Amino acid sequence: MNKVAVIGSGTMGNGIAQVVATAGYQVTIIDIKDEYLKNGFETIEKNLNRSIKKEKLDEVDKEKIINRIKLSTEYQDIKDVDIVIEAASEKIDIKKEIFEKLDKILNEDVIIASNTSALSLTELATVTSRPEKVLGIHFFNPVTIMKLVEVIKNIITSQDTYKKAKEFVQTLNKTPIEVNESPGFVVNRLLIPMINEAIFLVKEGVACPDDIDKAMKLGANHPLGPLALADLIGLDVCLSIMETLYNEFSDSKYRPAPLLKKKVRAGHLGRKTGEGFYQY
């Protein structure tokens, strides 16, 4: 693999593109507006400048990474890539539309991967003519720092596709784990219900957000408390994953906390909006 495409220039998309370019690949970022692409590219530049200040990178390396990144709003510009990583909004209809577009323009041997946090990869795969070449490559935020990547097989993914995807992830200096498709996969199936339960504790007045976070940091040795982590992830993303778990399993233990829904409706989504369970 030499050429990679990333669909989406948001928090996850630009992080994935930076990691891929740093590993030496040519990467094209696709988004629906030039404005979104500009914002994503500026974030990459800020991250690289921060690395220079920390003496983890020099100006020459930065320029090499920057020169490997291209921006486009046209899907035709990625028709010769070797692998595509979709990192668009966590909405199944949006992702299906993207997968249909990709399937029409890409060579039949190209792998199409999704960075979805919880959605069905089998459902995404079946809108293409190559379901055996569809799988999940799920990075974690912040992508440039977090080492783990879940490599997720849908029910039809071929072993050859999985092997190539795992090897690709390893070239990014990441640690892949093998996951068979299930709602929420491994990390989010464990993590998001814990965050949801912490939100119930807030609503019930059991403890304040700061003390709940202290309890998990000092009592369970977590580096970040569940509510601060929810603000980092984005409360809208947490809600979307909880709703997926609830809908897929039809189990009341996955019901989203009403306070989480209320926060999202109010636009209090965490760090990205300046307010969640904390002020930023």
C-alpha atoms as a PDB file:
ATOM      1  CA  MET A   1       0.000   0.000   0.000  1.00  0.00           C
ATOM      2  CA  ASN A   2       1.264   3.444  -0.955  1.00  0.00           C
ATOM      3  CA  LYS A   3      -1.750   5.696  -1.358  1.00  0.00           C
ATOM      4  CA  VAL A   4      -4.423   6.192   1.283  1.00  0.00           C
ATOM      5  CA  ALA A   5      -7.648   8.201   1.332  1.00  0.00           C
ATOM      6  CA  VAL A   6      -9.403   9.498   4.431  1.00  0.00           C
ATOM      7  CA  ILE A   7     -13.048  10.522   4.144  1.00  0.00           C
ATOM      8  CA  GLY A   8     -13.779  13.343   6.590  1.00  0.00           C
ATOM      9  CA  SER A   9     -11.492  16.087   7.912  1.00  0.00           C
ATOM     10  CA  GLY A  10     -12.938  16.413  11.419  1.00  0.00           C
ATOM     11  CA  THR A  11     -11.245  15.481  14.684  1.00  0.00           C
ATOM     12  CA  MET A  12     -10.788  11.812  13.801  1.00  0.00           C
ATOM     13  CA  GLY A  13     -10.235  12.306  10.079  1.00  0.00           C
ATOM     14  CA  ASN A  14      -7.439  14.848  10.342  1.00  0.00           C
ATOM     15  CA  GLY A  15      -5.807  12.837  13.130  1.00  0.00           C
ATOM     16  CA  ILE A  16      -5.854   9.670  11.013  1.00  0.00           C
ATOM     17  CA  ALA A  17      -4.483  11.575   8.010  1.00  0.00           C
ATOM     18  CA  GLN A  18      -1.635  12.990  10.091  1.00  0.00           C
ATOM     19  CA  VAL A  19      -0.680   9.562  11.434  1.00  0.00           C
ATOM     20  CA  VAL A  20      -0.838   8.019   7.949  1.00  0.00           C
ATOM     21  CA  ALA A  21       1.273  10.801   6.392  1.00  0.00           C
ATOM     22  CA  THR A  22       3.790  10.611   9.251  1.00  0.00           C
ATOM     23  CA  ALA A  23       4.202   6.896   8.488  1.00  0.00           C
ATOM     24  CA  GLY A  24       5.269   7.784   4.941  1.00  0.00           C
ATOM     25  CA  TYR A  25       2.069   7.264   2.943  1.00  0.00           C
ATOM     26  CA  GLN A  26       0.578   9.661   0.420  1.00  0.00           C
ATOM     27  CA  VAL A  27      -2.842  10.600   1.810  1.00  0.00           C
ATOM     28  CA  THR A  28      -5.782  12.456   0.310  1.00  0.00           C
ATOM     29  CA  ILE A  29      -8.432  13.874   2.622  1.00  0.00           C
ATOM     30  CA  ILE A  30     -11.922  14.147   1.158  1.00  0.00           C
ATOM     31  CA  ASP A  31     -14.682  16.335   2.580  1.00  0.00           C
ATOM     32  CA  ILE A  32     -17.805  18.066   1.286  1.00  0.00           C
ATOM     33  CA  LYS A  33     -16.554  21.650   1.767  1.00  0.00           C
ATOM     34  CA  ASP A  34     -13.208  23.403   1.278  1.00  0.00           C
ATOM     35  CA  GLU A  35     -13.833  25.149   4.596  1.00  0.00           C
ATOM     36  CA  TYR A  36     -13.886  21.821   6.441  1.00  0.00           C
ATOM     37  CA  LEU A  37     -10.702  20.704   4.684  1.00  0.00           C
ATOM     38  CA  LYS A  38      -8.952  23.962   5.557  1.00  0.00           C
ATOM     39  CA  ASN A  39      -9.886  23.622   9.224  1.00  0.00           C
ATOM     40  CA  GLY A  40      -8.693  20.012   9.313  1.00  0.00           C
ATOM     41  CA  PHE A  41      -5.396  20.886   7.629  1.00  0.00           C
ATOM     42  CA  GLU A  42      -4.811  23.769  10.067  1.00  0.00           C
ATOM     43  CA  THR A  43      -5.303  21.338  12.945  1.00  0.00           C
ATOM     44  CA  ILE A  44      -2.654  19.039  11.471  1.00  0.00           C
ATOM     45  CA  GLU A  45      -0.242  21.950  11.153  1.00  0.00           C
ATOM     46  CA  LYS A  46      -0.863  22.983  14.774  1.00  0.00           C
ATOM     47  CA  ASN A  47      -0.221  19.429  15.951  1.00  0.00           C
ATOM     48  CA  LEU A  48       3.020  19.233  13.985  1.00  0.00           C
ATOM     49  CA  ASN A  49       4.176  22.636  15.292  1.00  0.00           C
ATOM     50  CA  ARG A  50       3.470  21.420  18.821  1.00  0.00           C
ATOM     51  CA  SER A  51       5.668  18.385  18.165  1.00  0.00           C
ATOM     52  CA  ILE A  52       8.455  20.680  16.946  1.00  0.00           C
ATOM     53  CA  LYS A  53       8.254  22.699  20.168  1.00  0.00           C
ATOM     54  CA  LYS A  54       8.547  19.466  22.141  1.00  0.00           C
ATOM     55  CA  GLU A  55      11.555  18.524  19.974  1.00  0.00           C
ATOM     56  CA  LYS A  56       9.836  15.379  18.736  1.00  0.00           C
ATOM     57  CA  LEU A  57       9.988  16.640  15.152  1.00  0.00           C
ATOM     58  CA  ASP A  58      12.008  19.127  13.107  1.00  0.00           C
ATOM     59  CA  GLU A  59      10.993  21.518  10.308  1.00  0.00           C
ATOM     60  CA  VAL A  60      12.321  19.221   7.589  1.00  0.00           C
ATOM     61  CA  ASP A  61      10.210  16.291   8.814  1.00  0.00           C
ATOM     62  CA  LYS A  62       7.183  18.554   9.145  1.00  0.00           C
ATOM     63  CA  GLU A  63       7.466  19.669   5.523  1.00  0.00           C
ATOM     64  CA  LYS A  64       7.788  16.067   4.352  1.00  0.00           C
ATOM     65  CA  ILE A  65       4.596  15.137   6.219  1.00  0.00           C
ATOM     66  CA  ILE A  66       2.713  18.191   4.936  1.00  0.00           C
ATOM     67  CA  ASN A  67       3.772  17.472   1.355  1.00  0.00           C
ATOM     68  CA  ARG A  68       2.296  13.972   1.577  1.00  0.00           C
ATOM     69  CA  ILE A  69      -1.182  15.369   2.310  1.00  0.00           C
ATOM     70  CA  LYS A  70      -3.626  16.441  -0.389  1.00  0.00           C
ATOM     71  CA  LEU A  71      -7.088  17.949   0.072  1.00  0.00           C
ATOM     72  CA  SER A  72     -10.079  17.487  -2.213  1.00  0.00           C
ATOM     73  CA  THR A  73     -13.856  17.631  -2.422  1.00  0.00           C
ATOM     74  CA  GLU A  74     -13.880  15.279  -5.432  1.00  0.00           C
ATOM     75  CA  TYR A  75     -14.091  11.510  -4.996  1.00  0.00           C
ATOM     76  CA  GLN A  76     -12.539  11.032  -8.438  1.00  0.00           C
ATOM     77  CA  ASP A  77      -9.239  12.239  -6.970  1.00  0.00           C
ATOM     78  CA  ILE A  78      -8.919   9.037  -4.927  1.00  0.00           C
ATOM     79  CA  LYS A  79      -9.747   6.455  -7.588  1.00  0.00           C
ATOM     80  CA  ASP A  80      -6.159   5.114  -7.585  1.00  0.00           C
ATOM     81  CA  VAL A  81      -5.675   4.654  -3.826  1.00  0.00           C
ATOM     82  CA  ASP A  82      -4.955   1.324  -2.136  1.00  0.00           C
ATOM     83  CA  ILE A  83      -7.110   1.722   0.974  1.00  0.00           C
ATOM     84  CA  VAL A  84      -9.817   4.143   2.123  1.00  0.00           C
ATOM     85  CA  ILE A  85     -10.616   4.973   5.743  1.00  0.00           C
ATOM     86  CA  GLU A  86     -14.031   6.558   6.199  1.00  0.00           C
ATOM     87  CA  ALA A  87     -14.208   8.900   9.207  1.00  0.00           C
ATOM     88  CA  ALA A  88     -17.451  10.777   8.551  1.00  0.00           C
ATOM     89  CA  SER A  89     -20.284  11.514  10.983  1.00  0.00           C
ATOM     90  CA  GLU A  90     -21.499   8.567  13.063  1.00  0.00           C
ATOM     91  CA  LYS A  91     -24.731   8.235  11.066  1.00  0.00           C
ATOM     92  CA  ILE A  92     -25.418   4.985   9.229  1.00  0.00           C
ATOM     93  CA  ASP A  93     -27.200   6.652   6.283  1.00  0.00           C
ATOM     94  CA  ILE A  94     -24.311   9.058   5.693  1.00  0.00           C
ATOM     95  CA  LYS A  95     -21.796   6.238   5.829  1.00  0.00           C
ATOM     96  CA  LYS A  96     -23.844   4.053   3.472  1.00  0.00           C
ATOM     97  CA  GLU A  97     -23.985   6.866   0.920  1.00  0.00           C
ATOM     98  CA  ILE A  98     -20.208   7.270   1.129  1.00  0.00           C
ATOM     99  CA  PHE A  99     -19.590   3.532   0.768  1.00  0.00           C
ATOM    100  CA  GLU A 100     -21.813   3.398  -2.319  1.00  0.00           C
ATOM    101  CA  LYS A 101     -19.845   6.254  -3.908  1.00  0.00           C
ATOM    102  CA  LEU A 102     -16.524   4.653  -3.069  1.00  0.00           C
ATOM    103  CA  ASP A 103     -17.574   1.281  -4.432  1.00  0.00           C
ATOM    104  CA  LYS A 104     -18.374   2.822  -7.819  1.00  0.00           C
ATOM    105  CA  ILE A 105     -15.053   4.614  -8.343  1.00  0.00           C
ATOM    106  CA  LEU A 106     -12.473   2.372  -6.640  1.00  0.00           C
ATOM    107  CA  ASN A 107     -10.710  -0.595  -8.174  1.00  0.00           C
ATOM    108  CA  GLU A 108     -12.269  -3.870  -7.060  1.00  0.00           C
ATOM    109  CA  ASP A 109      -9.232  -4.868  -4.957  1.00  0.00           C
ATOM    110  CA  VAL A 110      -9.250  -1.706  -2.810  1.00  0.00           C
ATOM    111  CA  ILE A 111     -10.068  -2.127   0.889  1.00  0.00           C
ATOM    112  CA  ILE A 112     -12.788   0.130   2.294  1.00  0.00           C
ATOM    113  CA  ALA A 113     -12.550   0.640   6.046  1.00  0.00           C
ATOM    114  CA  SER A 114     -14.723   2.558   8.474  1.00  0.00           C
ATOM    115  CA  ASN A 115     -13.614   4.324  11.639  1.00  0.00           C
ATOM    116  CA  THR A 116     -17.094   3.828  13.100  1.00  0.00           C
ATOM    117  CA  SER A 117     -17.325   3.615  16.898  1.00  0.00           C
ATOM    118  CA  ALA A 118     -20.247   1.210  17.055  1.00  0.00           C
ATOM    119  CA  LEU A 119     -22.246   0.890  13.811  1.00  0.00           C
ATOM    120  CA  SER A 120     -22.723  -2.368  11.897  1.00  0.00           C
ATOM    121  CA  LEU A 121     -19.924  -3.028   9.439  1.00  0.00           C
ATOM    122  CA  THR A 122     -21.937  -5.823   7.856  1.00  0.00           C
ATOM    123  CA  GLU A 123     -24.697  -3.330   7.060  1.00  0.00           C
ATOM    124  CA  LEU A 124     -22.128  -0.985   5.500  1.00  0.00           C
ATOM    125  CA  ALA A 125     -20.480  -3.835   3.580  1.00  0.00           C
ATOM    126  CA  THR A 126     -23.706  -4.971   1.933  1.00  0.00           C
ATOM    127  CA  VAL A 127     -24.188  -1.683   0.054  1.00  0.00           C
ATOM    128  CA  THR A 128     -20.976  -2.467  -1.864  1.00  0.00           C
ATOM    129  CA  SER A 129     -20.077  -5.073  -4.458  1.00  0.00           C
ATOM    130  CA  ARG A 130     -17.036  -6.083  -2.342  1.00  0.00           C
ATOM    131  CA  PRO A 131     -18.336  -6.916   1.154  1.00  0.00           C
ATOM    132  CA  GLU A 132     -15.361  -9.208   1.750  1.00  0.00           C
ATOM    133  CA  LYS A 133     -13.065  -6.150   1.445  1.00  0.00           C
ATOM    134  CA  VAL A 134     -14.943  -4.040   4.003  1.00  0.00           C
ATOM    135  CA  LEU A 135     -13.936  -3.897   7.661  1.00  0.00           C
ATOM    136  CA  GLY A 136     -13.503  -1.546  10.586  1.00  0.00           C
ATOM    137  CA  ILE A 137     -10.278   0.256  11.448  1.00  0.00           C
ATOM    138  CA  HIS A 138     -11.240   2.095  14.616  1.00  0.00           C
ATOM    139  CA  PHE A 139      -8.765   4.643  15.966  1.00  0.00           C
ATOM    140  CA  PHE A 140      -9.092   6.432  19.309  1.00  0.00           C
ATOM    141  CA  ASN A 141      -9.022  10.117  20.127  1.00  0.00           C
ATOM    142  CA  PRO A 142      -6.490  11.735  20.092  1.00  0.00           C
ATOM    143  CA  VAL A 143      -5.366   9.621  17.148  1.00  0.00           C
ATOM    144  CA  THR A 144      -1.790  10.922  17.187  1.00  0.00           C
ATOM    145  CA  ILE A 145      -1.309   9.737  20.782  1.00  0.00           C
ATOM    146  CA  MET A 146      -3.504   6.692  21.374  1.00  0.00           C
ATOM    147  CA  LYS A 147      -1.755   3.446  20.411  1.00  0.00           C
ATOM    148  CA  LEU A 148      -4.758   1.134  20.149  1.00  0.00           C
ATOM    149  CA  VAL A 149      -6.631   0.410  16.915  1.00  0.00           C
ATOM    150  CA  GLU A 150      -9.537  -2.030  16.792  1.00  0.00           C
ATOM    151  CA  VAL A 151      -9.467  -3.946  13.496  1.00  0.00           C
ATOM    152  CA  ILE A 152     -12.974  -5.303  13.135  1.00  0.00           C
ATOM    153  CA  LYS A 153     -14.187  -8.072  10.834  1.00  0.00           C
ATOM    154  CA  ASN A 154     -17.718  -7.942   9.506  1.00  0.00           C
ATOM    155  CA  ILE A 155     -19.362 -11.320   9.013  1.00  0.00           C
ATOM    156  CA  ILE A 156     -18.134 -11.436   5.379  1.00  0.00           C
ATOM    157  CA  THR A 157     -14.623  -9.906   5.683  1.00  0.00           C
ATOM    158  CA  SER A 158     -12.009 -12.149   4.082  1.00  0.00           C
ATOM    159  CA  GLN A 159      -8.945 -13.279   6.009  1.00  0.00           C
ATOM    160  CA  ASP A 160      -6.720 -11.723   3.331  1.00  0.00           C
ATOM    161  CA  THR A 161      -8.396  -8.342   3.806  1.00  0.00           C
ATOM    162  CA  TYR A 162      -8.026  -8.579   7.563  1.00  0.00           C
ATOM    163  CA  LYS A 163      -4.342  -9.544   7.286  1.00  0.00           C
ATOM    164  CA  LYS A 164      -3.561  -6.598   4.999  1.00  0.00           C
ATOM    165  CA  ALA A 165      -5.452  -4.170   7.228  1.00  0.00           C
ATOM    166  CA  LYS A 166      -3.679  -5.382  10.362  1.00  0.00           C
ATOM    167  CA  GLU A 167      -0.277  -5.088   8.694  1.00  0.00           C
ATOM    168  CA  PHE A 168      -1.182  -1.579   7.512  1.00  0.00           C
ATOM    169  CA  VAL A 169      -2.118  -0.520  11.045  1.00  0.00           C
ATOM    170  CA  GLN A 170       1.178  -1.867  12.380  1.00  0.00           C
ATOM    171  CA  THR A 171       3.108   0.303   9.891  1.00  0.00           C
ATOM    172  CA  LEU A 172       1.437   3.330  11.530  1.00  0.00           C
ATOM    173  CA  ASN A 173       3.190   2.465  14.817  1.00  0.00           C
ATOM    174  CA  LYS A 174      -0.156   1.436  16.317  1.00  0.00           C
ATOM    175  CA  THR A 175      -1.187  -1.735  18.145  1.00  0.00           C
ATOM    176  CA  PRO A 176      -4.104  -3.554  16.472  1.00  0.00           C
ATOM    177  CA  ILE A 177      -6.454  -5.937  18.240  1.00  0.00           C
ATOM    178  CA  GLU A 178      -8.644  -8.403  16.357  1.00  0.00           C
ATOM    179  CA  VAL A 179     -12.364  -7.889  16.919  1.00  0.00           C
ATOM    180  CA  ASN A 180     -15.358  -9.744  15.509  1.00  0.00           C
ATOM    181  CA  GLU A 181     -18.227  -7.384  14.787  1.00  0.00           C
ATOM    182  CA  SER A 182     -20.488  -6.645  17.729  1.00  0.00           C
ATOM    183  CA  PRO A 183     -22.191  -3.355  18.682  1.00  0.00           C
ATOM    184  CA  GLY A 184     -19.651  -1.073  20.350  1.00  0.00           C
ATOM    185  CA  PHE A 185     -16.858  -3.578  19.584  1.00  0.00           C
ATOM    186  CA  VAL A 186     -14.614  -3.933  22.679  1.00  0.00           C
ATOM    187  CA  VAL A 187     -13.613  -0.542  24.072  1.00  0.00           C
ATOM    188  CA  ASN A 188     -16.862   1.347  23.607  1.00  0.00           C
ATOM    189  CA  ARG A 189     -19.017  -1.539  24.765  1.00  0.00           C
ATOM    190  CA  LEU A 190     -17.155  -1.353  28.073  1.00  0.00           C
ATOM    191  CA  LEU A 191     -16.443   2.371  28.221  1.00  0.00           C
ATOM    192  CA  ILE A 192     -19.621   4.141  27.103  1.00  0.00           C
ATOM    193  CA  PRO A 193     -21.986   2.299  29.514  1.00  0.00           C
ATOM    194  CA  MET A 194     -19.582   3.261  32.320  1.00  0.00           C
ATOM    195  CA  ILE A 195     -19.811   6.911  31.232  1.00  0.00           C
ATOM    196  CA  ASN A 196     -23.598   6.579  31.009  1.00  0.00           C
ATOM    197  CA  GLU A 197     -23.728   5.213  34.563  1.00  0.00           C
ATOM    198  CA  ALA A 198     -21.593   8.119  35.786  1.00  0.00           C
ATOM    199  CA  ILE A 199     -24.170  10.476  34.261  1.00  0.00           C
ATOM    200  CA  PHE A 200     -26.946   8.665  36.146  1.00  0.00           C
ATOM    201  CA  LEU A 201     -24.944   9.242  39.356  1.00  0.00           C
ATOM    202  CA  VAL A 202     -24.846  12.973  38.629  1.00  0.00           C
ATOM    203  CA  LYS A 203     -28.576  13.127  37.944  1.00  0.00           C
ATOM    204  CA  GLU A 204     -29.395  11.155  41.107  1.00  0.00           C
ATOM    205  CA  GLY A 205     -27.264  13.489  43.211  1.00  0.00           C
ATOM    206  CA  VAL A 206     -25.033  10.670  44.438  1.00  0.00           C
ATOM    207  CA  ALA A 207     -21.916  12.814  43.846  1.00  0.00           C
ATOM    208  CA  CYS A 208     -20.841  15.828  41.818  1.00  0.00           C
ATOM    209  CA  PRO A 209     -18.979  15.362  38.488  1.00  0.00           C
ATOM    210  CA  ASP A 210     -15.616  16.301  39.981  1.00  0.00           C
ATOM    211  CA  ASP A 211     -15.911  13.779  42.821  1.00  0.00           C
ATOM    212  CA  ILE A 212     -17.135  11.031  40.486  1.00  0.00           C
ATOM    213  CA  ASP A 213     -14.078  11.605  38.319  1.00  0.00           C
ATOM    214  CA  LYS A 214     -11.780  11.677  41.360  1.00  0.00           C
ATOM    215  CA  ALA A 215     -13.276   8.377  42.505  1.00  0.00           C
ATOM    216  CA  MET A 216     -12.348   6.634  39.257  1.00  0.00           C
ATOM    217  CA  LYS A 217      -8.937   8.274  38.979  1.00  0.00           C
ATOM    218  CA  LEU A 218      -7.862   7.580  42.543  1.00  0.00           C
ATOM    219  CA  GLY A 219      -9.931   4.468  43.210  1.00  0.00           C
ATOM    220  CA  ALA A 220      -9.585   2.651  39.885  1.00  0.00           C
ATOM    221  CA  ASN A 221      -6.347   4.272  38.650  1.00  0.00           C
ATOM    222  CA  HIS A 222      -7.981   5.703  35.526  1.00  0.00           C
ATOM    223  CA  PRO A 223      -5.932   8.526  33.973  1.00  0.00           C
ATOM    224  CA  LEU A 224      -9.113  10.520  33.285  1.00  0.00           C
ATOM    225  CA  GLY A 225     -12.487  10.412  35.000  1.00  0.00           C
ATOM    226  CA  PRO A 226     -15.534   9.183  33.026  1.00  0.00           C
ATOM    227  CA  LEU A 227     -17.238  12.591  32.821  1.00  0.00           C
ATOM    228  CA  ALA A 228     -14.116  14.457  31.757  1.00  0.00           C
ATOM    229  CA  LEU A 229     -13.573  11.693  29.203  1.00  0.00           C
ATOM    230  CA  ALA A 230     -17.161  12.064  27.970  1.00  0.00           C
ATOM    231  CA  ASP A 231     -16.509  15.764  27.412  1.00  0.00           C
ATOM    232  CA  LEU A 232     -13.359  14.879  25.469  1.00  0.00           C
ATOM    233  CA  ILE A 233     -15.112  12.284  23.304  1.00  0.00           C
ATOM    234  CA  GLY A 234     -18.150  14.517  22.752  1.00  0.00           C
ATOM    235  CA  LEU A 235     -21.470  13.951  24.497  1.00  0.00           C
ATOM    236  CA  ASP A 236     -23.203  13.632  21.135  1.00  0.00           C
ATOM    237  CA  VAL A 237     -20.859  10.777  20.199  1.00  0.00           C
ATOM    238  CA  CYS A 238     -21.449   9.104  23.589  1.00  0.00           C
ATOM    239  CA  LEU A 239     -25.212   9.353  23.067  1.00  0.00           C
ATOM    240  CA  SER A 240     -24.989   7.961  19.543  1.00  0.00           C
ATOM    241  CA  ILE A 241     -23.036   4.930  20.767  1.00  0.00           C
ATOM    242  CA  MET A 242     -25.422   4.330  23.677  1.00  0.00           C
ATOM    243  CA  GLU A 243     -28.388   4.494  21.297  1.00  0.00           C
ATOM    244  CA  THR A 244     -26.700   1.987  18.995  1.00  0.00           C
ATOM    245  CA  LEU A 245     -26.091  -0.401  21.905  1.00  0.00           C
ATOM    246  CA  TYR A 246     -29.672   0.015  23.129  1.00  0.00           C
ATOM    247  CA  ASN A 247     -31.201  -0.492  19.673  1.00  0.00           C
ATOM    248  CA  GLU A 248     -28.999  -3.460  18.770  1.00  0.00           C
ATOM    249  CA  PHE A 249     -29.318  -5.394  22.041  1.00  0.00           C
ATOM    250  CA  SER A 250     -32.813  -4.231  23.117  1.00  0.00           C
ATOM    251  CA  ASP A 251     -31.496  -4.429  26.669  1.00  0.00           C
ATOM    252  CA  SER A 252     -32.525  -1.802  29.237  1.00  0.00           C
ATOM    253  CA  LYS A 253     -29.020  -1.745  30.723  1.00  0.00           C
ATOM    254  CA  TYR A 254     -27.960   0.235  27.646  1.00  0.00           C
ATOM    255  CA  ARG A 255     -30.660   2.918  27.895  1.00  0.00           C
ATOM    256  CA  PRO A 256     -29.111   6.396  27.516  1.00  0.00           C
ATOM    257  CA  ALA A 257     -29.270   8.577  30.631  1.00  0.00           C
ATOM    258  CA  PRO A 258     -31.933  11.311  30.245  1.00  0.00           C
ATOM    259  CA  LEU A 259     -29.381  13.906  31.401  1.00  0.00           C
ATOM    260  CA  LEU A 260     -27.099  12.878  28.528  1.00  0.00           C
ATOM    261  CA  LYS A 261     -29.948  13.451  26.065  1.00  0.00           C
ATOM    262  CA  LYS A 262     -30.711  16.812  27.676  1.00  0.00           C
ATOM    263  CA  LYS A 263     -27.095  17.972  27.413  1.00  0.00           C
ATOM    264  CA  VAL A 264     -26.934  17.026  23.740  1.00  0.00           C
ATOM    265  CA  ARG A 265     -30.225  18.792  22.974  1.00  0.00           C
ATOM    266  CA  ALA A 266     -28.863  21.911  24.678  1.00  0.00           C
ATOM    267  CA  GLY A 267     -25.735  21.796  22.521  1.00  0.00           C
ATOM    268  CA  HIS A 268     -23.520  21.193  25.567  1.00  0.00           C
ATOM    269  CA  LEU A 269     -21.344  18.599  23.867  1.00  0.00           C
ATOM    270  CA  GLY A 270     -18.130  18.911  25.869  1.00  0.00           C
ATOM    271  CA  ARG A 271     -14.793  20.419  24.962  1.00  0.00           C
ATOM    272  CA  LYS A 272     -15.691  21.115  21.339  1.00  0.00           C
ATOM    273  CA  THR A 273     -18.512  23.484  22.381  1.00  0.00           C
ATOM    274  CA  GLY A 274     -16.886  24.827  25.533  1.00  0.00           C
ATOM    275  CA  GLU A 275     -19.346  23.206  27.908  1.00  0.00           C
ATOM    276  CA  GLY A 276     -20.349  19.700  28.899  1.00  0.00           C
ATOM    277  CA  PHE A 277     -20.065  18.429  32.436  1.00  0.00           C
ATOM    278  CA  TYR A 278     -17.308  21.017  32.843  1.00  0.00           C
ATOM    279  CA  GLN A 279     -16.663  24.500  31.468  1.00  0.00           C
ATOM    280  CA  TYR A 280     -13.810  24.922  28.962  1.00  0.00           C
END
